[in-house]
N, C-alpha and C. Protein backbone atom coordinates (compact mmCIF):
# COMPACT_ATOMS: atom_id res chain seq x y z
N MET A 1 -6.54 18.17 16.27
CA MET A 1 -6.84 17.27 17.43
C MET A 1 -6.41 15.80 16.73
N GLU A 2 -5.73 14.90 17.90
CA GLU A 2 -5.45 13.64 17.20
C GLU A 2 -6.54 12.58 17.77
N LEU A 3 -6.65 11.73 16.90
CA LEU A 3 -7.62 10.42 17.30
C LEU A 3 -7.68 10.01 18.63
N LYS A 4 -6.86 9.94 19.18
CA LYS A 4 -6.56 9.49 20.81
C LYS A 4 -7.49 10.61 21.49
N ASP A 5 -7.21 12.02 21.29
CA ASP A 5 -7.81 12.91 21.95
C ASP A 5 -9.36 12.96 21.68
N VAL A 6 -9.67 12.52 20.49
CA VAL A 6 -11.22 12.50 20.21
C VAL A 6 -12.13 11.28 20.67
N VAL A 7 -10.94 10.22 20.84
CA VAL A 7 -11.69 8.93 21.74
C VAL A 7 -11.92 9.43 23.10
N MET A 8 -11.00 9.96 23.67
CA MET A 8 -10.93 10.33 25.17
C MET A 8 -11.74 11.56 25.51
N LYS A 9 -11.98 12.37 24.56
CA LYS A 9 -13.02 13.20 24.85
C LYS A 9 -14.41 12.64 24.71
N LEU A 10 -14.80 11.46 23.86
CA LEU A 10 -16.04 10.94 23.99
C LEU A 10 -16.35 10.11 24.99
N ILE A 11 -15.14 9.26 25.65
CA ILE A 11 -15.21 8.59 26.86
C ILE A 11 -15.31 9.23 27.99
N GLY A 12 -14.47 10.37 28.33
CA GLY A 12 -14.17 11.08 29.32
C GLY A 12 -13.05 10.69 30.29
N ASN A 13 -12.90 11.17 31.39
CA ASN A 13 -11.51 10.95 32.19
C ASN A 13 -11.75 9.77 32.74
N ILE A 14 -10.62 8.86 32.83
CA ILE A 14 -10.61 7.76 33.51
C ILE A 14 -9.64 7.84 34.81
N GLU A 15 -9.01 8.85 35.39
CA GLU A 15 -7.99 9.12 36.37
C GLU A 15 -9.15 9.32 37.56
N PRO A 16 -8.88 8.10 38.50
CA PRO A 16 -9.62 8.58 39.80
C PRO A 16 -8.75 9.77 40.52
N VAL A 17 -9.63 10.48 41.30
CA VAL A 17 -9.49 11.35 42.11
C VAL A 17 -9.74 11.28 43.68
N GLY A 18 -10.40 10.04 44.31
CA GLY A 18 -10.56 9.90 45.41
C GLY A 18 -11.97 10.44 45.97
N SER A 19 -12.83 10.62 44.99
CA SER A 19 -13.91 11.22 45.46
C SER A 19 -15.09 10.21 44.90
N THR A 20 -15.80 9.70 45.68
CA THR A 20 -16.72 8.31 45.41
C THR A 20 -17.59 8.56 44.08
N ASP A 21 -18.18 9.95 44.36
CA ASP A 21 -19.23 10.06 43.13
C ASP A 21 -18.22 10.22 41.74
N ILE A 22 -17.24 11.18 41.81
CA ILE A 22 -16.54 11.32 40.70
C ILE A 22 -15.91 10.06 40.17
N ASP A 23 -15.47 9.28 40.98
CA ASP A 23 -14.42 7.92 40.65
C ASP A 23 -15.35 6.87 40.13
N GLU A 24 -16.83 7.06 40.54
CA GLU A 24 -17.83 6.32 39.85
C GLU A 24 -17.89 6.25 38.50
N LYS A 25 -17.95 7.40 38.27
CA LYS A 25 -18.28 7.82 36.82
C LYS A 25 -16.80 7.64 35.97
N ARG A 26 -15.78 7.79 36.65
CA ARG A 26 -14.49 7.50 35.64
C ARG A 26 -14.07 6.20 35.41
N PHE A 27 -14.75 5.26 36.29
CA PHE A 27 -14.43 3.97 36.46
C PHE A 27 -15.44 3.43 35.00
N GLU A 28 -16.44 3.82 35.30
CA GLU A 28 -17.55 3.42 33.77
C GLU A 28 -16.79 3.89 32.71
N ASN A 29 -16.01 4.95 32.65
CA ASN A 29 -15.30 5.63 31.37
C ASN A 29 -14.22 4.33 31.06
N LEU A 30 -13.49 4.10 32.29
CA LEU A 30 -12.23 3.16 32.04
C LEU A 30 -12.83 1.83 31.50
N VAL A 31 -13.82 1.38 32.14
CA VAL A 31 -14.38 0.01 31.65
C VAL A 31 -14.80 0.05 29.95
N GLN A 32 -15.38 1.43 29.59
CA GLN A 32 -15.45 1.69 28.12
C GLN A 32 -14.37 1.57 27.51
N LEU A 33 -13.54 2.24 28.15
CA LEU A 33 -12.13 2.37 27.17
C LEU A 33 -11.40 0.88 27.27
N CYS A 34 -11.30 0.28 28.24
CA CYS A 34 -10.66 -1.02 27.98
C CYS A 34 -11.68 -1.81 27.07
N ASP A 35 -12.89 -1.82 27.01
CA ASP A 35 -13.86 -2.65 26.03
C ASP A 35 -13.18 -2.10 24.75
N LEU A 36 -13.11 -1.09 24.52
CA LEU A 36 -13.11 -0.44 22.94
C LEU A 36 -11.75 -1.02 22.70
N THR A 37 -10.74 -0.95 23.61
CA THR A 37 -9.37 -1.19 23.42
C THR A 37 -9.28 -2.82 23.12
N GLU A 38 -10.09 -3.42 23.76
CA GLU A 38 -10.09 -5.23 23.53
C GLU A 38 -10.84 -5.13 22.08
N GLU A 39 -11.74 -4.49 21.69
CA GLU A 39 -12.30 -4.74 20.27
C GLU A 39 -11.20 -4.26 19.15
N LEU A 40 -10.62 -3.39 19.39
CA LEU A 40 -9.55 -2.83 18.45
C LEU A 40 -8.44 -3.99 18.36
N ILE A 41 -7.94 -4.32 19.41
CA ILE A 41 -7.06 -5.38 19.28
C ILE A 41 -7.45 -6.69 18.74
N PHE A 42 -8.72 -7.08 18.79
CA PHE A 42 -9.30 -8.19 18.03
C PHE A 42 -9.31 -7.93 16.55
N GLU A 43 -9.59 -6.67 16.22
CA GLU A 43 -9.44 -6.12 14.78
C GLU A 43 -7.82 -6.54 14.03
N ILE A 44 -7.18 -6.05 15.04
CA ILE A 44 -5.90 -6.11 14.76
C ILE A 44 -5.33 -7.55 14.44
N GLU A 45 -5.74 -8.35 15.27
CA GLU A 45 -5.45 -9.64 15.20
C GLU A 45 -6.12 -10.29 14.39
N LYS A 46 -7.52 -9.99 13.85
CA LYS A 46 -7.79 -10.56 12.65
C LYS A 46 -7.19 -10.30 11.09
N VAL A 47 -6.74 -9.19 11.42
CA VAL A 47 -5.99 -8.65 9.94
C VAL A 47 -4.56 -9.54 10.11
N ALA A 48 -4.06 -9.57 11.11
CA ALA A 48 -2.76 -10.46 11.43
C ALA A 48 -2.98 -11.77 10.52
N THR A 49 -3.86 -12.59 11.51
CA THR A 49 -4.23 -13.95 11.24
C THR A 49 -4.63 -14.14 9.94
N ASP A 50 -5.52 -13.09 9.21
CA ASP A 50 -6.14 -13.83 7.92
C ASP A 50 -4.98 -13.10 6.69
N ASN A 51 -4.38 -12.36 7.08
CA ASN A 51 -3.55 -11.77 5.49
C ASN A 51 -2.03 -11.94 5.92
N LYS A 52 -1.29 -12.22 6.91
CA LYS A 52 0.02 -12.40 6.59
C LYS A 52 0.66 -13.19 6.15
N ASP A 53 -0.06 -14.41 5.66
CA ASP A 53 0.48 -15.44 4.53
C ASP A 53 -0.14 -15.44 3.28
N ARG A 54 -1.08 -14.11 3.05
CA ARG A 54 -1.36 -14.33 1.57
C ARG A 54 -0.58 -13.84 0.67
N PRO A 55 -0.80 -14.20 -0.67
CA PRO A 55 0.46 -13.96 -1.69
C PRO A 55 0.22 -12.42 -2.01
N GLU A 56 -1.00 -11.88 -2.04
CA GLU A 56 -1.29 -10.45 -2.77
C GLU A 56 -0.42 -9.50 -1.84
N TYR A 57 0.50 -8.78 -2.40
CA TYR A 57 1.28 -7.91 -1.78
C TYR A 57 0.36 -7.13 -0.78
N SER A 58 -0.55 -6.29 -1.23
CA SER A 58 -1.01 -5.26 -0.24
C SER A 58 -1.67 -5.93 1.11
N MET A 59 -2.17 -7.29 1.00
CA MET A 59 -2.73 -8.05 1.95
C MET A 59 -1.66 -8.36 2.98
N LYS A 60 -0.67 -9.00 2.36
CA LYS A 60 0.36 -9.48 3.14
C LYS A 60 1.00 -8.35 3.71
N LYS A 61 1.11 -7.30 3.36
CA LYS A 61 1.71 -5.99 3.92
C LYS A 61 0.90 -5.84 4.95
N ALA A 62 -0.11 -5.85 4.90
CA ALA A 62 -1.23 -5.38 6.05
C ALA A 62 -1.03 -6.37 7.28
N GLY A 63 -1.00 -7.61 7.03
CA GLY A 63 -0.91 -8.86 7.88
C GLY A 63 0.25 -8.73 8.40
N GLU A 64 1.42 -8.52 7.88
CA GLU A 64 2.61 -8.54 8.42
C GLU A 64 2.85 -7.43 9.55
N TYR A 65 2.33 -6.39 9.08
CA TYR A 65 2.26 -5.29 9.73
C TYR A 65 1.55 -5.19 11.08
N ALA A 66 0.24 -5.76 11.03
CA ALA A 66 -0.43 -6.10 12.44
C ALA A 66 0.14 -7.18 13.03
N SER A 67 0.93 -8.27 12.38
CA SER A 67 1.55 -9.48 13.20
C SER A 67 2.70 -8.88 14.07
N MET A 68 3.26 -7.74 13.47
CA MET A 68 4.58 -7.17 13.88
C MET A 68 3.95 -6.16 15.27
N TYR A 69 2.98 -5.53 15.18
CA TYR A 69 2.26 -4.91 16.01
C TYR A 69 1.78 -5.79 17.29
N ARG A 70 1.28 -6.57 16.92
CA ARG A 70 0.84 -7.58 17.91
C ARG A 70 1.96 -8.21 18.96
N GLU A 71 3.08 -8.76 18.15
CA GLU A 71 4.35 -9.31 18.55
C GLU A 71 4.93 -8.06 19.60
N LYS A 72 4.88 -6.87 18.94
CA LYS A 72 5.68 -5.78 19.81
C LYS A 72 5.09 -5.52 20.97
N TYR A 73 3.50 -5.33 20.96
CA TYR A 73 2.89 -5.02 22.18
C TYR A 73 2.59 -6.55 23.05
N ARG A 74 2.84 -7.66 22.67
CA ARG A 74 2.75 -8.80 23.66
C ARG A 74 3.77 -8.81 24.26
N ASN A 75 5.22 -8.58 23.86
CA ASN A 75 6.38 -8.26 24.64
C ASN A 75 6.51 -7.22 25.61
N VAL A 76 5.61 -6.19 25.20
CA VAL A 76 5.68 -4.91 26.14
C VAL A 76 4.74 -5.32 27.41
N LEU A 77 3.44 -6.04 27.02
CA LEU A 77 2.38 -6.08 27.94
C LEU A 77 2.96 -7.32 28.97
N TYR A 78 3.62 -8.04 28.52
CA TYR A 78 3.79 -9.15 29.05
C TYR A 78 5.43 -9.33 29.79
N TYR A 79 6.01 -8.24 29.85
CA TYR A 79 7.53 -8.16 30.14
C TYR A 79 7.45 -8.21 31.70
N GLU A 80 8.33 -8.82 32.06
CA GLU A 80 8.55 -9.14 33.69
C GLU A 80 10.03 -8.65 34.11
């Protein structure tokens, strides 16, 4: 089982189906998933900001990777 599968199993289904009772719960699940995603993005941002210019190889490597990831998804999310 992949990590994403574990997270989605814990959070639950997020896809609305057009039934008010079911969709109310799925909306709550979506909010939880979005909140978690925001927290994870902030963690990645912190690693990028704190480490990309460090002289230590392993710290710089992590910071540069996080920075690259950030830029990659910034371009994907804001592509018009």
